[in-house]
């Protein structure tokens, strides 16, 4: 299996982390994986801490609520408030109130989807409140993405062969 992540760019001046990943499926199929909470659960958390979505109102003004389950039974809750949803093109979220007291958590994320000659590309931009927050959060976040994106690739490939 190829590694879907094609680049990870840290931009401390703009307080952004950008992850680009390419997948061998149509953009609509990639979008569907994010729109369906049961599919999202199969890749959003890293293999050692899978996600469970308890709410997923995928529209501007809606919320997604989920928790990650650690190997020793620990649970970490989070939520997203969808600030924009443009089907099959992009969506934006504010990282939830569940982490409002943690200034190191990302402030917002934008997911953009585009068609490529070999399938589709997802560009994920995470914004932070400070350079300090970036430095504290990015190592774990990058590790999580590198663990989660192959899971998304496997899901997309599996579903692609079913259809």
N, C-alpha and C. Protein backbone atom coordinates (compact mmCIF):
# COMPACT_ATOMS: atom_id res chain seq x y z
N UNK A 1 0.85 -1.19 0.00
CA UNK A 1 0.00 0.00 0.00
C UNK A 1 0.89 1.24 0.00
N UNK A 2 0.54 2.20 -0.81
CA UNK A 2 1.30 3.45 -0.83
C UNK A 2 0.86 4.34 0.32
N UNK A 3 1.73 5.23 0.70
CA UNK A 3 1.40 6.18 1.77
C UNK A 3 0.62 7.33 1.17
N UNK A 4 -0.62 7.55 1.61
CA UNK A 4 -1.43 8.60 0.98
C UNK A 4 -0.94 10.02 1.26
N UNK A 5 -0.23 10.25 2.36
CA UNK A 5 0.21 11.61 2.67
C UNK A 5 1.35 11.98 1.73
N UNK A 6 1.15 13.06 0.98
CA UNK A 6 2.18 13.51 0.04
C UNK A 6 3.00 14.67 0.60
N UNK A 7 2.44 15.41 1.56
CA UNK A 7 3.23 16.47 2.20
C UNK A 7 2.63 16.87 3.54
N UNK A 8 3.53 17.31 4.42
CA UNK A 8 3.14 17.89 5.72
C UNK A 8 3.97 19.17 5.83
N UNK A 9 3.29 20.31 5.92
CA UNK A 9 3.97 21.61 5.95
C UNK A 9 3.59 22.37 7.20
N UNK A 10 4.60 22.77 7.96
CA UNK A 10 4.38 23.57 9.16
C UNK A 10 4.69 25.02 8.81
N UNK A 11 3.78 25.93 9.10
CA UNK A 11 3.97 27.34 8.80
C UNK A 11 3.75 28.15 10.08
N UNK A 12 4.83 28.31 10.90
CA UNK A 12 4.68 29.01 12.18
C UNK A 12 4.25 30.46 12.02
N UNK A 13 4.63 31.12 10.93
CA UNK A 13 4.23 32.52 10.74
C UNK A 13 2.73 32.66 10.60
N UNK A 14 2.10 31.70 9.92
CA UNK A 14 0.64 31.76 9.73
C UNK A 14 -0.09 30.89 10.74
N UNK A 15 0.66 30.18 11.61
CA UNK A 15 0.09 29.29 12.63
C UNK A 15 -0.73 28.17 11.98
N UNK A 16 -0.21 27.61 10.89
CA UNK A 16 -0.91 26.55 10.15
C UNK A 16 -0.08 25.28 10.09
N UNK A 17 -0.77 24.17 10.07
CA UNK A 17 -0.20 22.88 9.70
C UNK A 17 -1.04 22.40 8.51
N UNK A 18 -0.38 22.09 7.40
CA UNK A 18 -1.10 21.64 6.20
C UNK A 18 -0.67 20.22 5.88
N UNK A 19 -1.65 19.34 5.75
CA UNK A 19 -1.41 17.94 5.38
C UNK A 19 -2.12 17.71 4.05
N UNK A 20 -1.38 17.20 3.06
CA UNK A 20 -1.95 16.87 1.76
C UNK A 20 -1.86 15.37 1.57
N UNK A 21 -2.98 14.77 1.17
CA UNK A 21 -3.01 13.31 0.95
C UNK A 21 -3.75 13.03 -0.35
N UNK A 22 -3.22 12.08 -1.12
CA UNK A 22 -3.82 11.69 -2.39
C UNK A 22 -4.37 10.28 -2.30
N UNK A 23 -5.54 10.08 -2.93
CA UNK A 23 -6.23 8.80 -2.88
C UNK A 23 -6.66 8.39 -4.29
N UNK A 24 -6.64 7.07 -4.57
CA UNK A 24 -6.95 6.59 -5.91
C UNK A 24 -8.45 6.37 -6.14
N UNK A 25 -9.27 7.28 -5.64
CA UNK A 25 -10.73 7.15 -5.79
C UNK A 25 -11.29 8.51 -6.20
N UNK A 26 -12.49 8.52 -6.78
CA UNK A 26 -13.12 9.80 -7.13
C UNK A 26 -13.35 10.69 -5.90
N UNK A 27 -13.35 11.98 -6.14
CA UNK A 27 -13.55 12.96 -5.05
C UNK A 27 -14.85 12.70 -4.29
N UNK A 28 -15.92 12.34 -5.00
CA UNK A 28 -17.20 12.08 -4.33
C UNK A 28 -17.05 10.94 -3.31
N UNK A 29 -16.28 9.91 -3.66
CA UNK A 29 -16.08 8.78 -2.73
C UNK A 29 -15.30 9.23 -1.50
N UNK A 30 -14.28 10.06 -1.70
CA UNK A 30 -13.51 10.59 -0.58
C UNK A 30 -14.41 11.42 0.33
N UNK A 31 -15.23 12.28 -0.26
CA UNK A 31 -16.18 13.10 0.51
C UNK A 31 -17.11 12.23 1.35
N UNK A 32 -17.63 11.16 0.75
CA UNK A 32 -18.58 10.29 1.46
C UNK A 32 -17.97 9.70 2.73
N UNK A 33 -16.67 9.44 2.72
CA UNK A 33 -16.01 8.89 3.90
C UNK A 33 -16.06 9.87 5.08
N UNK A 34 -15.99 11.17 4.77
CA UNK A 34 -16.06 12.20 5.82
C UNK A 34 -17.51 12.50 6.21
N UNK A 35 -18.44 12.31 5.29
CA UNK A 35 -19.84 12.65 5.55
C UNK A 35 -20.57 11.58 6.36
N UNK A 36 -20.07 10.35 6.34
CA UNK A 36 -20.73 9.23 7.02
C UNK A 36 -19.98 8.91 8.32
N UNK A 37 -20.62 9.12 9.47
CA UNK A 37 -19.91 8.91 10.74
C UNK A 37 -19.41 7.47 10.93
N UNK A 38 -20.09 6.48 10.38
CA UNK A 38 -19.63 5.10 10.54
C UNK A 38 -18.33 4.88 9.76
N UNK A 39 -18.19 5.53 8.60
CA UNK A 39 -16.93 5.43 7.86
C UNK A 39 -15.85 6.26 8.55
N UNK A 40 -16.22 7.45 9.02
CA UNK A 40 -15.28 8.35 9.70
C UNK A 40 -14.64 7.65 10.90
N UNK A 41 -15.44 6.86 11.61
CA UNK A 41 -14.93 6.13 12.78
C UNK A 41 -13.81 5.16 12.41
N UNK A 42 -13.80 4.71 11.18
CA UNK A 42 -12.82 3.71 10.78
C UNK A 42 -11.45 4.31 10.48
N UNK A 43 -11.37 5.66 10.41
CA UNK A 43 -10.06 6.24 10.14
C UNK A 43 -9.72 7.48 10.95
N UNK A 44 -10.66 8.16 11.56
CA UNK A 44 -10.31 9.44 12.21
C UNK A 44 -9.34 9.26 13.36
N UNK A 45 -9.52 8.28 14.17
CA UNK A 45 -8.56 8.03 15.24
C UNK A 45 -7.44 7.14 14.75
N UNK A 46 -6.26 7.25 15.35
CA UNK A 46 -5.18 6.33 14.98
C UNK A 46 -5.55 4.91 15.42
N UNK A 47 -4.87 3.89 14.88
CA UNK A 47 -5.24 2.50 15.19
C UNK A 47 -5.28 2.20 16.69
N UNK A 48 -4.42 2.86 17.48
CA UNK A 48 -4.38 2.58 18.92
C UNK A 48 -5.43 3.35 19.71
N UNK A 49 -6.15 4.28 19.06
CA UNK A 49 -7.19 5.06 19.75
C UNK A 49 -8.32 5.37 18.78
N UNK A 50 -9.13 4.36 18.45
CA UNK A 50 -10.20 4.56 17.47
C UNK A 50 -11.26 5.56 17.96
N UNK A 51 -11.88 6.22 16.98
CA UNK A 51 -12.92 7.22 17.27
C UNK A 51 -14.30 6.58 17.26
N UNK A 52 -15.17 7.10 18.11
CA UNK A 52 -16.59 6.75 18.09
C UNK A 52 -17.35 8.07 17.99
N UNK A 53 -18.11 8.24 16.92
CA UNK A 53 -18.91 9.46 16.74
C UNK A 53 -20.29 9.22 17.33
N UNK A 54 -20.68 10.07 18.29
CA UNK A 54 -21.98 9.95 18.94
C UNK A 54 -22.99 10.91 18.33
N UNK A 55 -22.50 11.88 17.54
CA UNK A 55 -23.37 12.86 16.88
C UNK A 55 -22.61 13.36 15.66
N UNK A 56 -23.31 13.53 14.52
CA UNK A 56 -22.64 13.99 13.30
C UNK A 56 -23.66 14.71 12.43
N UNK A 57 -23.86 15.99 12.70
CA UNK A 57 -24.81 16.83 11.96
C UNK A 57 -24.00 17.63 10.95
N UNK A 58 -23.77 17.02 9.78
CA UNK A 58 -22.81 17.51 8.79
C UNK A 58 -23.42 18.60 7.92
N UNK A 59 -23.55 19.79 8.51
CA UNK A 59 -24.07 20.97 7.80
C UNK A 59 -23.54 22.20 8.53
N UNK A 60 -23.50 23.33 7.82
CA UNK A 60 -23.06 24.57 8.47
C UNK A 60 -23.95 24.82 9.69
N UNK A 61 -23.32 25.05 10.84
CA UNK A 61 -24.06 25.25 12.09
C UNK A 61 -24.26 23.96 12.86
N UNK A 62 -24.01 22.82 12.22
CA UNK A 62 -24.16 21.52 12.89
C UNK A 62 -22.92 21.19 13.73
N UNK A 63 -23.02 20.08 14.45
CA UNK A 63 -21.91 19.64 15.31
C UNK A 63 -21.62 18.16 15.09
N UNK A 64 -20.38 17.82 15.30
CA UNK A 64 -19.98 16.42 15.40
C UNK A 64 -19.40 16.24 16.79
N UNK A 65 -19.76 15.16 17.45
CA UNK A 65 -19.23 14.86 18.77
C UNK A 65 -18.67 13.45 18.72
N UNK A 66 -17.47 13.30 19.28
CA UNK A 66 -16.84 11.99 19.24
C UNK A 66 -15.89 11.84 20.42
N UNK A 67 -15.45 10.59 20.60
CA UNK A 67 -14.40 10.35 21.59
C UNK A 67 -13.45 9.31 21.02
N UNK A 68 -12.21 9.41 21.45
CA UNK A 68 -11.19 8.42 21.11
C UNK A 68 -11.05 7.50 22.31
N UNK A 69 -10.91 6.21 22.04
CA UNK A 69 -10.76 5.22 23.12
C UNK A 69 -9.35 4.69 23.11
N UNK A 70 -8.64 4.89 24.21
CA UNK A 70 -7.26 4.42 24.33
C UNK A 70 -7.19 2.95 24.67
N UNK A 71 -6.02 2.38 24.53
CA UNK A 71 -5.84 0.94 24.76
C UNK A 71 -6.10 0.51 26.20
N UNK A 72 -6.00 1.44 27.14
CA UNK A 72 -6.22 1.09 28.55
C UNK A 72 -7.58 1.55 29.06
N UNK A 73 -8.50 1.81 28.11
CA UNK A 73 -9.85 2.20 28.50
C UNK A 73 -10.06 3.69 28.67
N UNK A 74 -9.00 4.49 28.51
CA UNK A 74 -9.18 5.92 28.66
C UNK A 74 -9.96 6.47 27.46
N UNK A 75 -10.66 7.58 27.69
CA UNK A 75 -11.45 8.19 26.62
C UNK A 75 -11.15 9.69 26.57
N UNK A 76 -11.01 10.20 25.33
CA UNK A 76 -10.78 11.63 25.13
C UNK A 76 -11.90 12.15 24.24
N UNK A 77 -12.71 13.05 24.78
CA UNK A 77 -13.84 13.60 24.03
C UNK A 77 -13.41 14.83 23.24
N UNK A 78 -14.06 15.02 22.12
CA UNK A 78 -13.84 16.23 21.31
C UNK A 78 -15.11 16.48 20.51
N UNK A 79 -15.17 17.66 19.93
CA UNK A 79 -16.31 17.98 19.07
C UNK A 79 -15.86 18.99 18.03
N UNK A 80 -16.61 19.03 16.96
CA UNK A 80 -16.40 20.03 15.91
C UNK A 80 -17.69 20.78 15.72
N UNK A 81 -17.58 22.07 15.49
CA UNK A 81 -18.73 22.85 15.03
C UNK A 81 -18.47 23.14 13.56
N UNK A 82 -19.37 22.68 12.69
CA UNK A 82 -19.20 22.91 11.26
C UNK A 82 -19.55 24.36 10.94
N UNK A 83 -18.56 25.11 10.46
CA UNK A 83 -18.80 26.52 10.12
C UNK A 83 -19.10 26.70 8.64
N UNK A 84 -18.73 25.72 7.82
CA UNK A 84 -19.05 25.73 6.39
C UNK A 84 -19.02 24.30 5.89
N UNK A 85 -19.99 23.95 5.04
CA UNK A 85 -20.02 22.64 4.40
C UNK A 85 -20.43 22.86 2.95
N UNK A 86 -19.52 22.57 2.04
CA UNK A 86 -19.77 22.71 0.61
C UNK A 86 -19.59 21.33 -0.02
N UNK A 87 -20.69 20.57 -0.17
CA UNK A 87 -20.58 19.16 -0.57
C UNK A 87 -19.63 18.91 -1.73
N UNK A 88 -18.86 17.92 -1.52
CA UNK A 88 -17.74 17.32 -2.23
C UNK A 88 -16.56 18.28 -2.47
N UNK A 89 -16.68 19.55 -2.07
CA UNK A 89 -15.58 20.50 -2.24
C UNK A 89 -14.80 20.77 -0.97
N UNK A 90 -15.50 21.08 0.13
CA UNK A 90 -14.78 21.46 1.35
C UNK A 90 -15.72 21.51 2.55
N UNK A 91 -15.10 21.47 3.73
CA UNK A 91 -15.83 21.80 4.95
C UNK A 91 -14.84 22.39 5.94
N UNK A 92 -15.38 23.21 6.86
CA UNK A 92 -14.57 23.86 7.89
C UNK A 92 -15.21 23.59 9.24
N UNK A 93 -14.34 23.41 10.24
CA UNK A 93 -14.83 23.19 11.59
C UNK A 93 -14.04 24.04 12.58
N UNK A 94 -14.71 24.41 13.66
CA UNK A 94 -14.02 24.94 14.84
C UNK A 94 -13.84 23.75 15.74
N UNK A 95 -12.61 23.56 16.21
CA UNK A 95 -12.39 22.44 17.13
C UNK A 95 -13.12 22.78 18.41
N UNK A 96 -13.77 21.79 18.99
CA UNK A 96 -14.84 21.96 19.95
C UNK A 96 -14.59 22.59 21.28
N UNK A 97 -15.71 22.89 21.88
CA UNK A 97 -15.74 23.46 23.23
C UNK A 97 -15.19 22.48 24.24
N UNK A 98 -15.18 21.19 23.89
CA UNK A 98 -14.66 20.18 24.82
C UNK A 98 -13.22 20.48 25.18
N UNK A 99 -12.52 21.20 24.29
CA UNK A 99 -11.12 21.53 24.53
C UNK A 99 -10.90 23.03 24.75
N UNK A 100 -11.97 23.75 25.05
CA UNK A 100 -11.87 25.20 25.16
C UNK A 100 -10.86 25.64 26.22
N UNK A 101 -10.67 24.81 27.24
CA UNK A 101 -9.73 25.19 28.31
C UNK A 101 -8.30 24.79 27.97
N UNK A 102 -8.08 24.16 26.83
CA UNK A 102 -6.73 23.76 26.42
C UNK A 102 -6.28 24.63 25.26
N UNK A 103 -5.47 25.63 25.57
CA UNK A 103 -5.04 26.58 24.54
C UNK A 103 -4.11 25.95 23.51
N UNK A 104 -3.67 24.71 23.75
CA UNK A 104 -2.81 24.05 22.78
C UNK A 104 -3.58 23.36 21.66
N UNK A 105 -4.87 23.19 21.84
CA UNK A 105 -5.65 22.51 20.81
C UNK A 105 -5.83 23.43 19.60
N UNK A 106 -6.00 22.84 18.41
CA UNK A 106 -6.22 23.66 17.22
C UNK A 106 -7.47 24.51 17.40
N UNK A 107 -7.49 25.66 16.72
CA UNK A 107 -8.67 26.51 16.78
C UNK A 107 -9.67 26.15 15.70
N UNK A 108 -9.17 25.79 14.51
CA UNK A 108 -10.08 25.41 13.43
C UNK A 108 -9.34 24.57 12.40
N UNK A 109 -10.14 23.88 11.58
CA UNK A 109 -9.58 23.03 10.53
C UNK A 109 -10.41 23.22 9.26
N UNK A 110 -9.73 23.21 8.13
CA UNK A 110 -10.39 23.26 6.83
C UNK A 110 -9.96 22.02 6.05
N UNK A 111 -10.93 21.34 5.48
CA UNK A 111 -10.70 20.17 4.64
C UNK A 111 -11.16 20.52 3.23
N UNK A 112 -10.28 20.41 2.25
CA UNK A 112 -10.61 20.72 0.86
C UNK A 112 -10.36 19.47 0.03
N UNK A 113 -11.26 19.21 -0.91
CA UNK A 113 -11.18 18.03 -1.75
C UNK A 113 -11.14 18.44 -3.21
N UNK A 114 -10.21 17.86 -3.97
CA UNK A 114 -10.15 18.19 -5.40
C UNK A 114 -9.86 16.93 -6.21
N UNK A 115 -10.26 16.98 -7.47
CA UNK A 115 -10.01 15.87 -8.38
C UNK A 115 -8.60 15.98 -8.91
N UNK A 116 -7.92 14.84 -9.02
CA UNK A 116 -6.57 14.79 -9.59
C UNK A 116 -6.58 13.78 -10.74
N UNK A 117 -5.52 13.75 -11.54
CA UNK A 117 -5.47 12.78 -12.64
C UNK A 117 -5.55 11.32 -12.18
N UNK A 118 -5.14 11.05 -10.94
CA UNK A 118 -5.14 9.67 -10.44
C UNK A 118 -6.24 9.40 -9.42
N UNK A 119 -7.11 10.37 -9.15
CA UNK A 119 -8.19 10.17 -8.17
C UNK A 119 -8.61 11.47 -7.52
N UNK A 120 -8.22 11.63 -6.25
CA UNK A 120 -8.61 12.84 -5.52
C UNK A 120 -7.55 13.19 -4.48
N UNK A 121 -7.59 14.45 -4.08
CA UNK A 121 -6.65 14.99 -3.10
C UNK A 121 -7.43 15.66 -1.98
N UNK A 122 -6.98 15.40 -0.76
CA UNK A 122 -7.51 16.09 0.41
C UNK A 122 -6.40 17.00 0.94
N UNK A 123 -6.75 18.26 1.14
CA UNK A 123 -5.83 19.19 1.79
C UNK A 123 -6.48 19.59 3.11
N UNK A 124 -5.74 19.35 4.18
CA UNK A 124 -6.26 19.62 5.53
C UNK A 124 -5.38 20.69 6.17
N UNK A 125 -5.98 21.83 6.50
CA UNK A 125 -5.24 22.92 7.14
C UNK A 125 -5.77 23.09 8.56
N UNK A 126 -4.85 22.97 9.52
CA UNK A 126 -5.19 23.17 10.93
C UNK A 126 -4.60 24.51 11.35
N UNK A 127 -5.41 25.34 12.04
CA UNK A 127 -4.94 26.63 12.53
C UNK A 127 -4.80 26.56 14.05
N UNK A 128 -3.76 27.22 14.53
CA UNK A 128 -3.47 27.24 15.97
C UNK A 128 -3.53 28.67 16.50
N UNK A 129 -3.63 28.78 17.83
CA UNK A 129 -3.73 30.11 18.46
C UNK A 129 -2.36 30.74 18.67
N UNK A 130 -1.29 29.92 18.70
CA UNK A 130 0.05 30.46 18.95
C UNK A 130 1.11 29.48 18.45
N UNK A 131 2.33 29.97 18.31
CA UNK A 131 3.46 29.11 17.93
C UNK A 131 3.68 28.07 19.02
N UNK A 132 3.54 28.47 20.26
CA UNK A 132 3.70 27.53 21.37
C UNK A 132 2.70 26.38 21.26
N UNK A 133 1.45 26.72 20.96
CA UNK A 133 0.42 25.69 20.79
C UNK A 133 0.78 24.75 19.64
N UNK A 134 1.28 25.32 18.54
CA UNK A 134 1.70 24.50 17.40
C UNK A 134 2.79 23.53 17.81
N UNK A 135 3.81 24.06 18.48
CA UNK A 135 4.97 23.24 18.84
C UNK A 135 4.58 22.11 19.79
N UNK A 136 3.63 22.36 20.69
CA UNK A 136 3.21 21.34 21.64
C UNK A 136 2.31 20.30 21.01
N UNK A 137 1.52 20.70 20.01
CA UNK A 137 0.48 19.83 19.47
C UNK A 137 0.89 19.08 18.21
N UNK A 138 1.69 19.71 17.35
CA UNK A 138 1.98 19.12 16.04
C UNK A 138 2.62 17.74 16.09
N UNK A 139 3.60 17.46 16.96
CA UNK A 139 4.20 16.12 16.91
C UNK A 139 3.17 15.00 17.06
N UNK A 140 2.30 15.10 18.03
CA UNK A 140 1.27 14.08 18.22
C UNK A 140 0.24 14.09 17.10
N UNK A 141 -0.10 15.29 16.64
CA UNK A 141 -1.08 15.42 15.57
C UNK A 141 -0.54 14.82 14.27
N UNK A 142 0.71 15.12 13.97
CA UNK A 142 1.32 14.58 12.75
C UNK A 142 1.40 13.06 12.82
N UNK A 143 1.78 12.54 13.97
CA UNK A 143 1.84 11.09 14.16
C UNK A 143 0.44 10.48 13.97
N UNK A 144 -0.57 11.15 14.51
CA UNK A 144 -1.94 10.68 14.37
C UNK A 144 -2.39 10.65 12.91
N UNK A 145 -2.06 11.72 12.17
CA UNK A 145 -2.41 11.76 10.75
C UNK A 145 -1.70 10.66 9.97
N UNK A 146 -0.43 10.47 10.26
CA UNK A 146 0.34 9.45 9.54
C UNK A 146 -0.20 8.05 9.84
N UNK A 147 -0.82 7.87 11.00
CA UNK A 147 -1.44 6.59 11.35
C UNK A 147 -2.85 6.48 10.77
N UNK A 148 -3.58 7.60 10.72
CA UNK A 148 -4.99 7.57 10.29
C UNK A 148 -5.17 7.54 8.77
N UNK A 149 -4.33 8.24 8.02
CA UNK A 149 -4.54 8.33 6.57
C UNK A 149 -4.41 6.97 5.85
N UNK A 150 -3.50 6.08 6.23
CA UNK A 150 -3.51 4.76 5.60
C UNK A 150 -4.81 3.99 5.90
N UNK A 151 -5.42 4.24 7.06
CA UNK A 151 -6.71 3.62 7.38
C UNK A 151 -7.78 4.13 6.43
N UNK A 152 -7.75 5.45 6.13
CA UNK A 152 -8.70 6.02 5.18
C UNK A 152 -8.45 5.42 3.80
N UNK A 153 -7.20 5.31 3.40
CA UNK A 153 -6.85 4.73 2.11
C UNK A 153 -7.38 3.31 2.00
N UNK A 154 -7.20 2.51 3.06
CA UNK A 154 -7.69 1.13 3.06
C UNK A 154 -9.22 1.09 2.97
N UNK A 155 -9.90 1.96 3.69
CA UNK A 155 -11.36 2.03 3.64
C UNK A 155 -11.83 2.38 2.23
N UNK A 156 -11.22 3.38 1.63
CA UNK A 156 -11.62 3.82 0.29
C UNK A 156 -11.39 2.72 -0.74
N UNK A 157 -10.27 2.05 -0.64
CA UNK A 157 -9.94 0.98 -1.58
C UNK A 157 -10.89 -0.19 -1.41
N UNK A 158 -11.18 -0.52 -0.16
CA UNK A 158 -12.11 -1.62 0.13
C UNK A 158 -13.49 -1.31 -0.41
N UNK A 159 -13.97 -0.12 -0.14
CA UNK A 159 -15.32 0.28 -0.60
C UNK A 159 -15.35 0.37 -2.12
N UNK A 160 -14.25 0.79 -2.72
CA UNK A 160 -14.18 0.94 -4.16
C UNK A 160 -14.35 -0.42 -4.84
N UNK A 161 -13.80 -1.47 -4.24
CA UNK A 161 -13.90 -2.79 -4.85
C UNK A 161 -15.27 -3.42 -4.62
N UNK A 162 -15.99 -2.95 -3.59
CA UNK A 162 -17.34 -3.46 -3.31
C UNK A 162 -18.35 -2.96 -4.33
N UNK A 163 -18.21 -1.70 -4.74
CA UNK A 163 -19.22 -1.05 -5.59
C UNK A 163 -19.28 -1.64 -6.98
